Amino acid sequence: MQAMILKRFGGPLLLEEMPDPFPAKGEIRIDVAACGVCRTDLHVVDGELPQPRLPIIPGHEIVGRVDMIGADVEGFTLGMRVGIPWLGHTCGHCPYCASGHENLCDAPLFTGYTRNGGYATKCVADARYAFALGETGTDSQVSPLLCAGLIGWRSLQFAGEAKTLGLYGFGAAAHIVTQVARFQNRRVFAFTKADDTKAQAFALSLGAQWAGGSQETPPEPLDAAIIYAPVGALVPAALKAVRKGGTVVCAGIHMSPIPSFSYDILWEERKLVSVANLTRQDGLDFLKVAAECKIVTHTRDYPLAHANEALSDLREGRLEGAAVLIPAFH
């Protein structure tokens, strides 16, 4: 198989030929059709996450077909289209797993971070953490749902019943969440870099009621705000934008330092919370909702060998929606 491999932090991914992996007990092997490029992949490549595995094949928004099934696997057949998300394995017995919070497992494995991911022509996954996808939508269109969509969905749940919703950072997750929020009759206010009129126009085209710079005051107080951009300075900005009793949700796995801020913008029972990973139930719930509201993802396809270009385009804000690697695309 071919794979783009990270061997040192900050370095480029290297295209290499490798032996095909074989599924162990409880695993399936996937012939990768598409793998979305997520901001978390940038954090992995840049060495911003603790205790990574090196060398590693990044990628955790994987769509493909089952082409080999390991022992003791039920519910999957050869040729079935499946999705492989960020959460790749949990221990099943720590206090978090036992209480329904497997996203906080003490001994997890994460796809493309601590186990090899989907920047490859084939990958192996724990079958218990794979989702049957059905046949609706192209592989490229579906792949961003596996993380941008899933973490977006979980962060939206943390926003509660908010009717006025602010989204800070209008990338892959926000462009999906906007569609879900509009389906739920919420009003969306999009915050971007001050001069990013293209992203603001994109947000408005998807149904956002207002779009402006991240330090601007929205036309009305927000019930909740979700921060997708990994920028700590957005935390006090979002706290100032939410009403009394409102919630600010930090949805990223990594964020630059949060500057100090005066207590008065947190006071009056405003809440500041973070979202970590996802549960398998999140995936089942979200994929159902995604089908109901007919989410349309905006993607740009790249050949597998152009993974470094896709990561650079993501880092520099040159994307509208999500980047997707297509191994068969040349």
Protein backbone atom coordinates (compact mmCIF):
# COMPACT_ATOMS: atom_id res chain seq x y z
CA MET A 1 0.00 0.00 0.00
CA GLN A 2 0.96 3.67 -0.23
CA ALA A 3 0.90 6.03 2.73
CA MET A 4 1.87 9.56 3.69
CA ILE A 5 3.94 9.19 6.86
CA LEU A 6 4.94 11.69 9.55
CA LYS A 7 8.42 10.88 10.86
CA ARG A 8 9.34 14.12 12.63
CA PHE A 9 7.29 17.01 13.97
CA GLY A 10 7.19 20.01 11.72
CA GLY A 11 8.56 18.03 8.81
CA PRO A 12 6.73 17.11 5.63
CA LEU A 13 4.77 13.92 5.27
CA LEU A 14 6.65 11.38 3.15
CA LEU A 15 5.02 9.16 0.53
CA GLU A 16 6.17 5.57 1.00
CA GLU A 17 5.33 2.07 -0.13
CA MET A 18 4.49 -0.18 2.81
CA PRO A 19 3.30 -3.76 3.26
CA ASP A 20 -0.48 -4.06 3.43
CA PRO A 21 -1.68 -4.23 7.06
CA PHE A 22 -3.71 -7.24 8.20
CA PRO A 23 -6.59 -7.04 10.65
CA ALA A 24 -6.13 -8.68 14.02
CA LYS A 25 -8.94 -10.17 16.07
CA GLY A 26 -11.82 -7.69 16.28
CA GLU A 27 -10.50 -5.52 13.44
CA ILE A 28 -11.43 -4.76 9.86
CA ARG A 29 -9.29 -3.56 6.98
CA ILE A 30 -10.53 -0.71 4.82
CA ASP A 31 -9.71 0.11 1.24
CA VAL A 32 -9.58 3.91 1.70
CA ALA A 33 -11.68 5.90 -0.77
CA ALA A 34 -11.40 9.31 0.91
CA CYS A 35 -9.87 10.85 4.02
CA GLY A 36 -10.72 14.35 5.18
CA VAL A 37 -7.95 16.69 6.30
CA CYS A 38 -8.77 18.00 9.78
CA ARG A 39 -7.22 20.79 11.84
CA THR A 40 -6.34 18.13 14.41
CA ASP A 41 -4.03 16.66 11.77
CA LEU A 42 -2.16 19.97 11.80
CA HIS A 43 -1.78 19.74 15.57
CA VAL A 44 -0.39 16.19 15.17
CA VAL A 45 2.02 17.20 12.41
CA ASP A 46 3.20 20.27 14.33
CA GLY A 47 3.79 18.30 17.54
CA GLU A 48 1.22 20.24 19.56
CA LEU A 49 -0.46 17.17 21.08
CA PRO A 50 1.11 15.08 23.89
CA GLN A 51 2.42 11.53 23.61
CA PRO A 52 2.03 10.91 19.89
CA ARG A 53 3.20 7.81 18.12
CA LEU A 54 5.98 8.28 15.58
CA PRO A 55 6.19 7.40 12.80
CA ILE A 56 2.45 7.78 12.24
CA ILE A 57 0.07 7.85 9.30
CA PRO A 58 -2.30 10.76 10.03
CA GLY A 59 -5.97 11.00 9.10
CA HIS A 60 -9.19 10.27 10.96
CA GLU A 61 -12.05 11.22 8.63
CA ILE A 62 -11.89 7.98 6.72
CA VAL A 63 -14.42 6.62 4.25
CA GLY A 64 -13.80 3.33 2.50
CA ARG A 65 -14.85 -0.23 1.81
CA VAL A 66 -14.24 -3.25 4.02
CA ASP A 67 -11.85 -5.53 2.15
CA MET A 68 -10.77 -7.89 4.95
CA ILE A 69 -12.41 -8.95 8.21
CA GLY A 70 -10.59 -10.21 11.28
CA ALA A 71 -11.76 -12.92 13.67
CA ASP A 72 -14.77 -12.34 15.95
CA VAL A 73 -16.10 -9.38 13.95
CA GLU A 74 -19.86 -9.18 13.48
CA GLY A 75 -22.06 -6.77 11.55
CA PHE A 76 -19.69 -6.05 8.66
CA THR A 77 -19.46 -7.59 5.20
CA LEU A 78 -16.89 -7.31 2.45
CA GLY A 79 -17.53 -4.26 0.30
CA MET A 80 -19.57 -2.42 2.96
CA ARG A 81 -18.93 1.32 3.06
CA VAL A 82 -17.77 2.41 6.50
CA GLY A 83 -16.42 5.47 8.28
CA ILE A 84 -13.53 5.51 10.73
CA PRO A 85 -13.47 8.45 13.19
CA TRP A 86 -10.95 9.96 15.62
CA LEU A 87 -11.87 7.69 18.54
CA GLY A 88 -10.28 4.39 17.60
CA HIS A 89 -10.39 2.35 20.83
CA THR A 90 -11.25 2.64 24.52
CA CYS A 91 -10.42 0.41 27.45
CA GLY A 92 -14.06 -0.27 28.36
CA HIS A 93 -13.49 -0.55 32.11
CA CYS A 94 -12.12 2.73 33.50
CA PRO A 95 -14.56 4.93 35.48
CA TYR A 96 -15.27 7.06 32.40
CA CYS A 97 -16.04 4.15 30.12
CA ALA A 98 -18.17 2.55 32.82
CA SER A 99 -20.23 5.71 33.25
CA GLY A 100 -20.98 6.35 29.57
CA HIS A 101 -18.16 8.87 29.03
CA GLU A 102 -15.87 6.83 26.79
CA ASN A 103 -14.70 10.06 25.15
CA LEU A 104 -12.74 10.65 28.39
CA CYS A 105 -11.28 7.11 28.59
CA ASP A 106 -8.05 6.80 30.56
CA ALA A 107 -6.42 4.54 27.95
CA PRO A 108 -7.78 5.45 24.51
CA LEU A 109 -6.33 5.11 21.03
CA PHE A 110 -6.93 7.77 18.43
CA THR A 111 -6.94 7.26 14.69
CA GLY A 112 -4.10 9.06 12.94
CA TYR A 113 -2.47 10.00 16.24
CA THR A 114 -1.76 6.91 18.33
CA ARG A 115 -2.79 4.35 15.71
CA ASN A 116 -2.27 4.63 11.96
CA GLY A 117 -4.93 6.55 10.06
CA GLY A 118 -6.28 7.17 6.61
CA TYR A 119 -3.63 9.12 4.70
CA ALA A 120 -3.07 5.82 2.92
CA THR A 121 -4.61 3.45 0.42
CA LYS A 122 -5.50 0.97 3.19
CA CYS A 123 -5.93 1.09 6.95
CA VAL A 124 -6.96 -1.18 9.81
CA ALA A 125 -9.52 -0.23 12.45
CA ASP A 126 -11.16 -1.68 15.54
CA ALA A 127 -14.54 -2.79 14.15
CA ARG A 128 -16.37 -1.62 17.28
CA TYR A 129 -15.47 1.98 16.45
CA ALA A 130 -16.40 1.92 12.76
CA PHE A 131 -19.70 3.31 11.46
CA ALA A 132 -21.77 1.80 8.68
CA LEU A 133 -22.39 4.68 6.26
CA GLY A 134 -24.81 3.43 3.65
CA GLU A 135 -24.54 4.69 0.10
CA THR A 136 -25.87 8.26 0.24
CA GLY A 137 -23.38 10.95 -0.79
CA THR A 138 -19.98 10.69 -2.44
CA ASP A 139 -17.00 9.46 -0.42
CA SER A 140 -15.48 12.94 -0.54
CA GLN A 141 -18.68 14.61 0.67
CA VAL A 142 -19.16 12.16 3.53
CA SER A 143 -15.60 12.16 4.92
CA PRO A 144 -15.77 15.54 6.76
CA LEU A 145 -18.75 14.24 8.71
CA LEU A 146 -16.42 11.82 10.52
CA CYS A 147 -14.79 14.57 12.63
CA ALA A 148 -15.74 18.09 11.59
CA GLY A 149 -19.32 16.89 11.72
CA LEU A 150 -19.01 14.74 14.83
CA ILE A 151 -17.17 17.26 17.00
CA GLY A 152 -19.44 19.94 15.62
CA TRP A 153 -22.46 17.90 16.70
CA ARG A 154 -21.08 17.28 20.20
CA SER A 155 -20.25 20.96 20.64
CA LEU A 156 -23.75 21.88 19.50
CA GLN A 157 -25.19 19.64 22.22
CA PHE A 158 -23.08 21.51 24.79
CA ALA A 159 -24.66 24.73 23.54
CA GLY A 160 -28.00 23.47 24.84
CA GLU A 161 -31.19 25.03 23.51
CA ALA A 162 -29.46 28.20 22.32
CA LYS A 163 -31.55 30.01 19.72
CA THR A 164 -28.91 32.62 18.90
CA LEU A 165 -25.65 30.79 18.24
CA GLY A 166 -22.22 32.29 17.53
CA LEU A 167 -19.61 30.27 15.62
CA TYR A 168 -16.02 31.48 15.90
CA GLY A 169 -13.85 30.23 13.05
CA PHE A 170 -15.77 29.33 9.91
CA GLY A 171 -14.07 26.21 8.61
CA ALA A 172 -15.11 22.61 8.07
CA ALA A 173 -16.93 22.13 11.40
CA ALA A 174 -18.76 25.46 11.33
CA HIS A 175 -19.99 25.01 7.77
CA ILE A 176 -21.58 21.70 8.81
CA VAL A 177 -22.93 22.95 12.15
CA THR A 178 -24.52 25.95 10.46
CA GLN A 179 -26.63 23.62 8.34
CA VAL A 180 -27.68 21.55 11.37
CA ALA A 181 -28.46 24.67 13.42
CA ARG A 182 -30.59 26.15 10.64
CA PHE A 183 -32.44 22.83 10.36
CA GLN A 184 -33.16 23.17 14.09
CA ASN A 185 -34.45 26.74 13.61
CA ARG A 186 -31.53 28.36 15.38
CA ARG A 187 -30.08 31.68 14.22
CA VAL A 188 -26.36 31.57 13.40
CA PHE A 189 -23.87 34.43 13.78
CA ALA A 190 -20.53 33.70 12.09
CA PHE A 191 -17.23 35.18 13.29
CA THR A 192 -14.14 35.09 11.07
CA LYS A 193 -10.84 36.91 10.71
CA ALA A 194 -11.63 40.57 10.35
CA ASP A 195 -10.68 40.80 6.68
CA ASP A 196 -11.95 37.40 5.57
CA THR A 197 -14.89 38.59 3.51
CA LYS A 198 -14.85 35.36 1.51
CA ALA A 199 -15.50 33.25 4.63
CA GLN A 200 -18.18 35.70 5.74
CA ALA A 201 -19.93 35.44 2.37
CA PHE A 202 -19.69 31.66 2.58
CA ALA A 203 -21.33 31.68 6.02
CA LEU A 204 -24.16 33.89 4.80
CA SER A 205 -24.70 31.63 1.78
CA LEU A 206 -25.28 28.72 4.17
CA GLY A 207 -27.92 30.58 6.13
CA ALA A 208 -26.02 32.55 8.76
CA GLN A 209 -28.01 35.60 9.81
CA TRP A 210 -24.89 37.75 10.30
CA ALA A 211 -21.17 37.44 9.63
CA GLY A 212 -18.34 39.67 10.83
CA GLY A 213 -14.91 39.85 12.40
CA SER A 214 -14.11 37.82 15.50
CA GLN A 215 -13.69 40.92 17.68
CA GLU A 216 -16.92 42.55 16.52
CA THR A 217 -20.00 42.79 18.71
CA PRO A 218 -22.89 40.83 17.19
CA PRO A 219 -26.20 42.62 16.52
CA GLU A 220 -27.70 41.01 19.61
CA PRO A 221 -26.46 39.00 22.61
CA LEU A 222 -25.82 35.32 21.93
CA ASP A 223 -27.37 32.46 23.88
CA ALA A 224 -24.22 30.43 23.22
CA ALA A 225 -20.99 30.57 21.26
CA ILE A 226 -18.82 27.74 19.93
CA ILE A 227 -15.13 28.36 19.28
CA TYR A 228 -13.65 26.21 16.50
CA ALA A 229 -10.57 28.31 15.74
CA PRO A 230 -7.61 27.29 17.98
CA VAL A 231 -7.14 30.87 19.18
CA GLY A 232 -7.24 31.50 22.92
CA ALA A 233 -7.91 35.22 22.44
CA LEU A 234 -11.38 34.31 21.18
CA VAL A 235 -12.46 33.09 24.63
CA PRO A 236 -12.85 36.55 26.21
CA ALA A 237 -14.33 37.86 22.95
CA ALA A 238 -16.98 35.14 23.00
CA LEU A 239 -17.72 35.67 26.71
CA LYS A 240 -18.40 39.33 25.98
CA ALA A 241 -20.77 38.34 23.17
CA VAL A 242 -22.99 35.93 25.14
CA ARG A 243 -25.87 37.03 27.32
CA LYS A 244 -26.18 36.48 31.07
CA GLY A 245 -26.39 32.73 31.71
CA GLY A 246 -24.94 32.03 28.25
CA THR A 247 -22.41 29.34 27.36
CA VAL A 248 -19.08 29.45 25.53
CA VAL A 249 -17.95 26.07 24.18
CA CYS A 250 -14.30 25.46 23.26
CA ALA A 251 -14.50 22.74 20.62
CA GLY A 252 -10.87 22.23 19.62
CA ILE A 253 -8.38 19.68 20.90
CA HIS A 254 -5.70 22.36 21.12
CA MET A 255 -5.78 26.12 21.63
CA SER A 256 -3.21 28.88 22.00
CA PRO A 257 -2.96 30.37 25.51
CA ILE A 258 -6.08 32.12 26.76
CA PRO A 259 -5.26 35.69 27.83
CA SER A 260 -6.31 36.88 31.26
CA PHE A 261 -9.67 38.61 31.41
CA SER A 262 -11.71 40.44 34.00
CA TYR A 263 -14.18 38.42 36.03
CA ASP A 264 -17.13 40.56 35.01
CA ILE A 265 -17.36 38.95 31.54
CA LEU A 266 -17.69 35.51 33.15
CA TRP A 267 -19.92 36.63 36.00
CA GLU A 268 -23.73 36.51 35.82
CA GLU A 269 -23.62 32.73 35.44
CA ARG A 270 -21.95 32.56 32.07
CA LYS A 271 -20.37 29.16 31.49
CA LEU A 272 -17.08 28.23 29.83
CA VAL A 273 -16.76 24.55 28.85
CA SER A 274 -14.64 22.36 26.58
CA VAL A 275 -15.49 19.43 24.35
CA ALA A 276 -13.22 16.38 24.21
CA ASN A 277 -13.30 13.72 21.50
CA LEU A 278 -16.60 11.93 20.89
CA THR A 279 -18.55 8.83 21.84
CA ARG A 280 -19.85 6.18 19.50
CA GLN A 281 -23.36 7.27 20.39
CA ASP A 282 -22.47 10.76 19.17
CA GLY A 283 -21.65 9.19 15.83
CA LEU A 284 -24.89 7.24 15.59
CA ASP A 285 -26.94 10.29 16.60
CA PHE A 286 -25.18 12.68 14.26
CA LEU A 287 -25.23 10.45 11.19
CA LYS A 288 -28.98 10.13 11.63
CA VAL A 289 -29.41 13.91 11.90
CA ALA A 290 -27.07 14.49 8.95
CA ALA A 291 -29.32 12.37 6.78
CA GLU A 292 -32.47 14.11 8.03
CA CYS A 293 -31.24 17.63 7.31
CA LYS A 294 -29.44 16.62 4.09
CA ILE A 295 -26.10 18.21 4.92
CA VAL A 296 -24.11 19.29 1.89
CA THR A 297 -20.38 19.48 2.58
CA HIS A 298 -18.14 21.73 0.51
CA THR A 299 -14.89 19.94 -0.26
CA ARG A 300 -11.72 20.29 -2.30
CA ASP A 301 -10.15 17.02 -3.40
CA TYR A 302 -6.40 16.33 -3.48
CA PRO A 303 -4.39 13.28 -4.53
CA LEU A 304 -2.92 11.33 -1.63
CA ALA A 305 0.59 12.45 -2.61
CA HIS A 306 -0.51 16.10 -2.21
CA ALA A 307 -1.31 15.77 1.51
CA ASN A 308 1.31 18.40 2.40
CA GLU A 309 -0.35 20.86 0.03
CA ALA A 310 -3.76 20.16 1.58
CA LEU A 311 -2.37 20.72 5.08
CA SER A 312 -0.74 23.97 3.96
CA ASP A 313 -3.98 25.21 2.41
CA LEU A 314 -5.79 24.43 5.67
CA ARG A 315 -3.14 26.16 7.77
CA GLU A 316 -3.19 29.28 5.62
CA GLY A 317 -6.98 29.55 5.43
CA ARG A 318 -7.20 28.95 1.69
CA LEU A 319 -10.10 26.49 1.96
CA GLU A 320 -13.83 26.99 1.76
CA GLY A 321 -15.19 23.97 3.62
CA ALA A 322 -12.91 20.95 3.91
CA ALA A 323 -9.91 19.38 2.16
CA VAL A 324 -10.17 15.68 1.29
CA LEU A 325 -7.47 13.25 0.16
CA ILE A 326 -8.54 10.81 -2.56
CA PRO A 327 -6.03 7.93 -3.00
CA ALA A 328 -7.40 7.08 -6.46
CA PHE A 329 -7.21 10.72 -7.64
CA HIS A 330 -4.14 11.45 -9.79
